[in-house]
Amino acid sequence: MAGWIMRENRVPHYQREFQKHDGLRTWEKVRGRYMVPGFKVIMFSSFGASMYMMGRMVLGHKTWFGKN
């Protein structure tokens, strides 16, 4: 618990980081650069997989590959 009491003050560092005018939104400054592209990859790949399987189901195939 003593580590929390005698810790350096990081508020000025974070104020400089978040109030800097670099054209990025607040949510993009720390994690957004890495989370949003990952989210888009997962979202579009799952959408593409759903469309692929819906097309196969319309043609009468109930598996991912093959003629079943």
C-alpha atoms as a PDB file:
ATOM      1  CA  MET A   1       0.000   0.000   0.000  1.00  0.00           C
ATOM      2  CA  ALA A   2       2.959   2.317   0.526  1.00  0.00           C
ATOM      3  CA  GLY A   3       3.631   2.332  -3.220  1.00  0.00           C
ATOM      4  CA  TRP A   4       0.394   4.160  -3.829  1.00  0.00           C
ATOM      5  CA  ILE A   5       1.167   6.890  -1.278  1.00  0.00           C
ATOM      6  CA  MET A   6       4.735   7.810  -2.286  1.00  0.00           C
ATOM      7  CA  ARG A   7       4.198   7.692  -6.030  1.00  0.00           C
ATOM      8  CA  GLU A   8       5.148  10.389  -8.534  1.00  0.00           C
ATOM      9  CA  ASN A   9       2.389  12.660  -9.806  1.00  0.00           C
ATOM     10  CA  ARG A  10       1.604  11.623 -13.408  1.00  0.00           C
ATOM     11  CA  VAL A  11      -1.201  14.171 -13.935  1.00  0.00           C
ATOM     12  CA  PRO A  12       0.963  16.759 -15.788  1.00  0.00           C
ATOM     13  CA  HIS A  13       2.272  14.028 -18.101  1.00  0.00           C
ATOM     14  CA  TYR A  14      -1.235  12.838 -18.978  1.00  0.00           C
ATOM     15  CA  GLN A  15      -2.495  16.413 -19.372  1.00  0.00           C
ATOM     16  CA  ARG A  16       0.241  17.081 -21.926  1.00  0.00           C
ATOM     17  CA  GLU A  17      -0.588  13.819 -23.707  1.00  0.00           C
ATOM     18  CA  PHE A  18      -4.339  14.331 -23.926  1.00  0.00           C
ATOM     19  CA  GLN A  19      -4.440  18.112 -24.485  1.00  0.00           C
ATOM     20  CA  LYS A  20      -1.854  18.098 -27.277  1.00  0.00           C
ATOM     21  CA  HIS A  21      -3.308  19.281 -30.609  1.00  0.00           C
ATOM     22  CA  ASP A  22      -2.248  16.487 -32.922  1.00  0.00           C
ATOM     23  CA  GLY A  23      -5.510  15.937 -34.814  1.00  0.00           C
ATOM     24  CA  LEU A  24      -6.472  12.749 -32.977  1.00  0.00           C
ATOM     25  CA  ARG A  25      -9.629  12.239 -30.994  1.00  0.00           C
ATOM     26  CA  THR A  26      -9.371  11.506 -27.268  1.00  0.00           C
ATOM     27  CA  TRP A  27     -10.243   7.810 -27.687  1.00  0.00           C
ATOM     28  CA  GLU A  28      -7.566   7.441 -30.368  1.00  0.00           C
ATOM     29  CA  LYS A  29      -4.710   8.826 -28.309  1.00  0.00           C
ATOM     30  CA  VAL A  30      -3.900   5.785 -26.197  1.00  0.00           C
ATOM     31  CA  ARG A  31      -5.540   2.542 -27.303  1.00  0.00           C
ATOM     32  CA  GLY A  32      -7.750   3.550 -30.217  1.00  0.00           C
ATOM     33  CA  ARG A  33      -5.026   3.262 -32.824  1.00  0.00           C
ATOM     34  CA  TYR A  34      -4.727  -0.438 -32.156  1.00  0.00           C
ATOM     35  CA  MET A  35      -8.240  -1.415 -31.070  1.00  0.00           C
ATOM     36  CA  VAL A  36     -10.270   0.049 -33.928  1.00  0.00           C
ATOM     37  CA  PRO A  37      -8.424  -1.743 -36.779  1.00  0.00           C
ATOM     38  CA  GLY A  38      -8.620  -5.023 -34.850  1.00  0.00           C
ATOM     39  CA  PHE A  39     -12.344  -4.508 -34.307  1.00  0.00           C
ATOM     40  CA  LYS A  40     -12.863  -3.796 -38.016  1.00  0.00           C
ATOM     41  CA  VAL A  41     -10.955  -6.925 -39.052  1.00  0.00           C
ATOM     42  CA  ILE A  42     -13.045  -9.110 -36.752  1.00  0.00           C
ATOM     43  CA  MET A  43     -16.304  -7.413 -37.757  1.00  0.00           C
ATOM     44  CA  PHE A  44     -15.769  -7.623 -41.535  1.00  0.00           C
ATOM     45  CA  SER A  45     -14.379 -11.162 -41.463  1.00  0.00           C
ATOM     46  CA  SER A  46     -17.356 -12.407 -39.423  1.00  0.00           C
ATOM     47  CA  PHE A  47     -19.732 -10.556 -41.775  1.00  0.00           C
ATOM     48  CA  GLY A  48     -17.987 -12.103 -44.792  1.00  0.00           C
ATOM     49  CA  ALA A  49     -18.155 -15.586 -43.262  1.00  0.00           C
ATOM     50  CA  SER A  50     -21.867 -15.122 -42.563  1.00  0.00           C
ATOM     51  CA  MET A  51     -22.512 -14.013 -46.142  1.00  0.00           C
ATOM     52  CA  TYR A  52     -20.518 -16.966 -47.493  1.00  0.00           C
ATOM     53  CA  MET A  53     -22.485 -19.490 -45.443  1.00  0.00           C
ATOM     54  CA  MET A  54     -25.827 -17.848 -46.263  1.00  0.00           C
ATOM     55  CA  GLY A  55     -24.986 -18.167 -49.954  1.00  0.00           C
ATOM     56  CA  ARG A  56     -24.102 -21.841 -49.481  1.00  0.00           C
ATOM     57  CA  MET A  57     -27.312 -22.478 -47.547  1.00  0.00           C
ATOM     58  CA  VAL A  58     -29.350 -20.933 -50.388  1.00  0.00           C
ATOM     59  CA  LEU A  59     -27.675 -23.368 -52.778  1.00  0.00           C
ATOM     60  CA  GLY A  60     -28.511 -26.291 -50.472  1.00  0.00           C
ATOM     61  CA  HIS A  61     -25.076 -26.984 -48.947  1.00  0.00           C
ATOM     62  CA  LYS A  62     -25.061 -27.220 -45.147  1.00  0.00           C
ATOM     63  CA  THR A  63     -21.277 -27.399 -44.599  1.00  0.00           C
ATOM     64  CA  TRP A  64     -18.445 -24.926 -45.147  1.00  0.00           C
ATOM     65  CA  PHE A  65     -16.808 -27.026 -47.891  1.00  0.00           C
ATOM     66  CA  GLY A  66     -17.960 -29.915 -50.048  1.00  0.00           C
ATOM     67  CA  LYS A  67     -21.281 -30.889 -51.570  1.00  0.00           C
ATOM     68  CA  ASN A  68     -23.209 -32.056 -48.467  1.00  0.00           C
END
